[in-house]
Amino acid sequence: MAENLNIFDFSLSAEDMDAILKLDTGALVVMPSHHDPEIVKWFMSMLPKK
């Protein structure tokens, strides 16, 4: 747990930041659209029932 909490023990160079920015393609990865009611309904159906 201590290692997980130590998040400020590194730095990113300008080249690292450029490489990270290039990873963003603008495409949604996790959920196609939370604005589409059918997608939201499908996603909610996948959650465990309480």
PDB file of N, CA and C in Angstrom:
ATOM      1  N   MET A   1       0.820  -1.182   0.000  1.00  0.00           N
ATOM      2  CA  MET A   1       0.000   0.000   0.000  1.00  0.00           C
ATOM      3  C   MET A   1       0.871   1.255   0.000  1.00  0.00           C
ATOM      4  N   ALA A   2       1.957   1.211   0.732  1.00  0.00           N
ATOM      5  CA  ALA A   2       2.834   2.383   0.790  1.00  0.00           C
ATOM      6  C   ALA A   2       3.363   2.730  -0.605  1.00  0.00           C
ATOM      7  N   GLU A   3       3.738   1.722  -1.380  1.00  0.00           N
ATOM      8  CA  GLU A   3       4.219   1.972  -2.735  1.00  0.00           C
ATOM      9  C   GLU A   3       3.128   2.583  -3.600  1.00  0.00           C
ATOM     10  N   ASN A   4       1.899   2.151  -3.445  1.00  0.00           N
ATOM     11  CA  ASN A   4       0.797   2.693  -4.224  1.00  0.00           C
ATOM     12  C   ASN A   4       0.530   4.152  -3.888  1.00  0.00           C
ATOM     13  N   LEU A   5       0.773   4.547  -2.649  1.00  0.00           N
ATOM     14  CA  LEU A   5       0.528   5.922  -2.233  1.00  0.00           C
ATOM     15  C   LEU A   5       1.660   6.866  -2.621  1.00  0.00           C
ATOM     16  N   ASN A   6       2.805   6.342  -2.947  1.00  0.00           N
ATOM     17  CA  ASN A   6       3.952   7.166  -3.312  1.00  0.00           C
ATOM     18  C   ASN A   6       3.897   7.459  -4.808  1.00  0.00           C
ATOM     19  N   ILE A   7       3.029   8.389  -5.197  1.00  0.00           N
ATOM     20  CA  ILE A   7       2.796   8.647  -6.621  1.00  0.00           C
ATOM     21  C   ILE A   7       3.613   9.808  -7.168  1.00  0.00           C
ATOM     22  N   PHE A   8       4.389  10.473  -6.325  1.00  0.00           N
ATOM     23  CA  PHE A   8       5.124  11.639  -6.788  1.00  0.00           C
ATOM     24  C   PHE A   8       6.631  11.382  -6.853  1.00  0.00           C
ATOM     25  N   ASP A   9       7.025  10.126  -7.012  1.00  0.00           N
ATOM     26  CA  ASP A   9       8.440   9.791  -7.028  1.00  0.00           C
ATOM     27  C   ASP A   9       8.985   9.603  -8.443  1.00  0.00           C
ATOM     28  N   PHE A  10       8.386  10.258  -9.434  1.00  0.00           N
ATOM     29  CA  PHE A  10       8.875  10.157 -10.802  1.00  0.00           C
ATOM     30  C   PHE A  10       8.595  11.481 -11.516  1.00  0.00           C
ATOM     31  N   SER A  11       9.175  11.640 -12.672  1.00  0.00           N
ATOM     32  CA  SER A  11       8.898  12.818 -13.486  1.00  0.00           C
ATOM     33  C   SER A  11       8.803  12.377 -14.940  1.00  0.00           C
ATOM     34  N   LEU A  12       8.115  13.166 -15.719  1.00  0.00           N
ATOM     35  CA  LEU A  12       7.954  12.887 -17.144  1.00  0.00           C
ATOM     36  C   LEU A  12       8.678  13.962 -17.940  1.00  0.00           C
ATOM     37  N   SER A  13       9.406  13.546 -18.932  1.00  0.00           N
ATOM     38  CA  SER A  13      10.086  14.496 -19.806  1.00  0.00           C
ATOM     39  C   SER A  13       9.088  15.036 -20.833  1.00  0.00           C
ATOM     40  N   ALA A  14       9.510  16.050 -21.549  1.00  0.00           N
ATOM     41  CA  ALA A  14       8.664  16.599 -22.620  1.00  0.00           C
ATOM     42  C   ALA A  14       8.387  15.528 -23.672  1.00  0.00           C
ATOM     43  N   GLU A  15       9.378  14.686 -23.939  1.00  0.00           N
ATOM     44  CA  GLU A  15       9.192  13.593 -24.908  1.00  0.00           C
ATOM     45  C   GLU A  15       8.170  12.580 -24.403  1.00  0.00           C
ATOM     46  N   ASP A  16       8.215  12.286 -23.098  1.00  0.00           N
ATOM     47  CA  ASP A  16       7.229  11.377 -22.508  1.00  0.00           C
ATOM     48  C   ASP A  16       5.821  11.949 -22.659  1.00  0.00           C
ATOM     49  N   MET A  17       5.674  13.236 -22.362  1.00  0.00           N
ATOM     50  CA  MET A  17       4.354  13.870 -22.453  1.00  0.00           C
ATOM     51  C   MET A  17       3.852  13.864 -23.892  1.00  0.00           C
ATOM     52  N   ASP A  18       4.737  14.131 -24.850  1.00  0.00           N
ATOM     53  CA  ASP A  18       4.344  14.084 -26.265  1.00  0.00           C
ATOM     54  C   ASP A  18       3.861  12.693 -26.650  1.00  0.00           C
ATOM     55  N   ALA A  19       4.563  11.666 -26.193  1.00  0.00           N
ATOM     56  CA  ALA A  19       4.177  10.289 -26.502  1.00  0.00           C
ATOM     57  C   ALA A  19       2.809   9.970 -25.894  1.00  0.00           C
ATOM     58  N   ILE A  20       2.568  10.435 -24.672  1.00  0.00           N
ATOM     59  CA  ILE A  20       1.273  10.195 -24.019  1.00  0.00           C
ATOM     60  C   ILE A  20       0.157  10.900 -24.777  1.00  0.00           C
ATOM     61  N   LEU A  21       0.398  12.137 -25.184  1.00  0.00           N
ATOM     62  CA  LEU A  21      -0.627  12.894 -25.913  1.00  0.00           C
ATOM     63  C   LEU A  21      -0.986  12.230 -27.239  1.00  0.00           C
ATOM     64  N   LYS A  22      -0.035  11.579 -27.863  1.00  0.00           N
ATOM     65  CA  LYS A  22      -0.298  10.897 -29.136  1.00  0.00           C
ATOM     66  C   LYS A  22      -1.173   9.662 -28.956  1.00  0.00           C
ATOM     67  N   LEU A  23      -1.274   9.152 -27.735  1.00  0.00           N
ATOM     68  CA  LEU A  23      -2.106   7.977 -27.469  1.00  0.00           C
ATOM     69  C   LEU A  23      -3.596   8.301 -27.551  1.00  0.00           C
ATOM     70  N   ASP A  24      -3.954   9.562 -27.337  1.00  0.00           N
ATOM     71  CA  ASP A  24      -5.354   9.957 -27.358  1.00  0.00           C
ATOM     72  C   ASP A  24      -5.834  10.092 -28.795  1.00  0.00           C
ATOM     73  N   THR A  25      -6.617   9.119 -29.227  1.00  0.00           N
ATOM     74  CA  THR A  25      -7.130   9.134 -30.593  1.00  0.00           C
ATOM     75  C   THR A  25      -8.495   9.812 -30.677  1.00  0.00           C
ATOM     76  N   GLY A  26      -9.076  10.146 -29.521  1.00  0.00           N
ATOM     77  CA  GLY A  26     -10.400  10.749 -29.500  1.00  0.00           C
ATOM     78  C   GLY A  26     -11.507   9.707 -29.512  1.00  0.00           C
ATOM     79  N   ALA A  27     -11.155   8.450 -29.691  1.00  0.00           N
ATOM     80  CA  ALA A  27     -12.151   7.382 -29.719  1.00  0.00           C
ATOM     81  C   ALA A  27     -12.490   6.954 -28.295  1.00  0.00           C
ATOM     82  N   LEU A  28     -13.750   6.696 -28.063  1.00  0.00           N
ATOM     83  CA  LEU A  28     -14.176   6.215 -26.760  1.00  0.00           C
ATOM     84  C   LEU A  28     -13.782   4.750 -26.620  1.00  0.00           C
ATOM     85  N   VAL A  29     -13.239   4.398 -25.468  1.00  0.00           N
ATOM     86  CA  VAL A  29     -12.746   3.047 -25.271  1.00  0.00           C
ATOM     87  C   VAL A  29     -13.652   2.267 -24.326  1.00  0.00           C
ATOM     88  N   VAL A  30     -14.067   2.877 -23.238  1.00  0.00           N
ATOM     89  CA  VAL A  30     -14.794   2.163 -22.200  1.00  0.00           C
ATOM     90  C   VAL A  30     -16.264   2.005 -22.538  1.00  0.00           C
ATOM     91  N   MET A  31     -16.895   3.064 -22.918  1.00  0.00           N
ATOM     92  CA  MET A  31     -18.335   3.024 -23.164  1.00  0.00           C
ATOM     93  C   MET A  31     -18.615   3.870 -24.400  1.00  0.00           C
ATOM     94  N   PRO A  32     -19.281   3.336 -25.396  1.00  0.00           N
ATOM     95  CA  PRO A  32     -19.484   4.081 -26.638  1.00  0.00           C
ATOM     96  C   PRO A  32     -20.081   5.479 -26.437  1.00  0.00           C
ATOM     97  N   SER A  33     -21.154   5.604 -25.706  1.00  0.00           N
ATOM     98  CA  SER A  33     -21.714   6.928 -25.457  1.00  0.00           C
ATOM     99  C   SER A  33     -22.707   6.860 -24.313  1.00  0.00           C
ATOM    100  N   HIS A  34     -22.467   7.703 -23.313  1.00  0.00           N
ATOM    101  CA  HIS A  34     -23.417   7.758 -22.206  1.00  0.00           C
ATOM    102  C   HIS A  34     -24.624   8.621 -22.569  1.00  0.00           C
ATOM    103  N   HIS A  35     -24.630   9.179 -23.772  1.00  0.00           N
ATOM    104  CA  HIS A  35     -25.774   9.969 -24.238  1.00  0.00           C
ATOM    105  C   HIS A  35     -26.808   9.104 -24.959  1.00  0.00           C
ATOM    106  N   ASP A  36     -26.437   7.895 -25.322  1.00  0.00           N
ATOM    107  CA  ASP A  36     -27.347   6.987 -26.022  1.00  0.00           C
ATOM    108  C   ASP A  36     -28.099   6.155 -24.981  1.00  0.00           C
ATOM    109  N   PRO A  37     -29.419   6.353 -24.858  1.00  0.00           N
ATOM    110  CA  PRO A  37     -30.186   5.636 -23.832  1.00  0.00           C
ATOM    111  C   PRO A  37     -30.070   4.117 -23.923  1.00  0.00           C
ATOM    112  N   GLU A  38     -29.969   3.570 -25.118  1.00  0.00           N
ATOM    113  CA  GLU A  38     -29.852   2.118 -25.259  1.00  0.00           C
ATOM    114  C   GLU A  38     -28.515   1.610 -24.710  1.00  0.00           C
ATOM    115  N   ILE A  39     -27.460   2.355 -24.925  1.00  0.00           N
ATOM    116  CA  ILE A  39     -26.155   1.974 -24.395  1.00  0.00           C
ATOM    117  C   ILE A  39     -26.173   2.035 -22.873  1.00  0.00           C
ATOM    118  N   VAL A  40     -26.762   3.089 -22.328  1.00  0.00           N
ATOM    119  CA  VAL A  40     -26.852   3.225 -20.875  1.00  0.00           C
ATOM    120  C   VAL A  40     -27.673   2.084 -20.284  1.00  0.00           C
ATOM    121  N   LYS A  41     -28.767   1.742 -20.917  1.00  0.00           N
ATOM    122  CA  LYS A  41     -29.612   0.644 -20.449  1.00  0.00           C
ATOM    123  C   LYS A  41     -28.839  -0.673 -20.469  1.00  0.00           C
ATOM    124  N   TRP A  42     -28.095  -0.905 -21.557  1.00  0.00           N
ATOM    125  CA  TRP A  42     -27.286  -2.123 -21.654  1.00  0.00           C
ATOM    126  C   TRP A  42     -26.231  -2.149 -20.560  1.00  0.00           C
ATOM    127  N   PHE A  43     -25.532  -1.020 -20.373  1.00  0.00           N
ATOM    128  CA  PHE A  43     -24.477  -0.959 -19.373  1.00  0.00           C
ATOM    129  C   PHE A  43     -25.046  -1.214 -17.985  1.00  0.00           C
ATOM    130  N   MET A  44     -26.155  -0.605 -17.673  1.00  0.00           N
ATOM    131  CA  MET A  44     -26.766  -0.785 -16.350  1.00  0.00           C
ATOM    132  C   MET A  44     -27.216  -2.226 -16.140  1.00  0.00           C
ATOM    133  N   SER A  45     -27.578  -2.915 -17.212  1.00  0.00           N
ATOM    134  CA  SER A  45     -27.992  -4.308 -17.086  1.00  0.00           C
ATOM    135  C   SER A  45     -26.808  -5.216 -16.740  1.00  0.00           C
ATOM    136  N   MET A  46     -25.585  -4.738 -17.008  1.00  0.00           N
ATOM    137  CA  MET A  46     -24.389  -5.529 -16.739  1.00  0.00           C
ATOM    138  C   MET A  46     -23.939  -5.414 -15.283  1.00  0.00           C
ATOM    139  N   LEU A  47     -24.432  -4.417 -14.569  1.00  0.00           N
ATOM    140  CA  LEU A  47     -24.037  -4.233 -13.172  1.00  0.00           C
ATOM    141  C   LEU A  47     -24.700  -5.281 -12.284  1.00  0.00           C
ATOM    142  N   PRO A  48     -24.013  -5.673 -11.215  1.00  0.00           N
ATOM    143  CA  PRO A  48     -24.611  -6.654 -10.301  1.00  0.00           C
ATOM    144  C   PRO A  48     -25.888  -6.101  -9.657  1.00  0.00           C
ATOM    145  N   LYS A  49     -26.836  -6.947  -9.497  1.00  0.00           N
ATOM    146  CA  LYS A  49     -28.115  -6.556  -8.864  1.00  0.00           C
ATOM    147  C   LYS A  49     -27.921  -6.470  -7.364  1.00  0.00           C
ATOM    148  N   LYS A  50     -28.533  -5.472  -6.752  1.00  0.00           N
ATOM    149  CA  LYS A  50     -28.442  -5.322  -5.288  1.00  0.00           C
ATOM    150  C   LYS A  50     -29.568  -6.019  -4.596  1.00  0.00           C
TER     151      LYS A  50
END
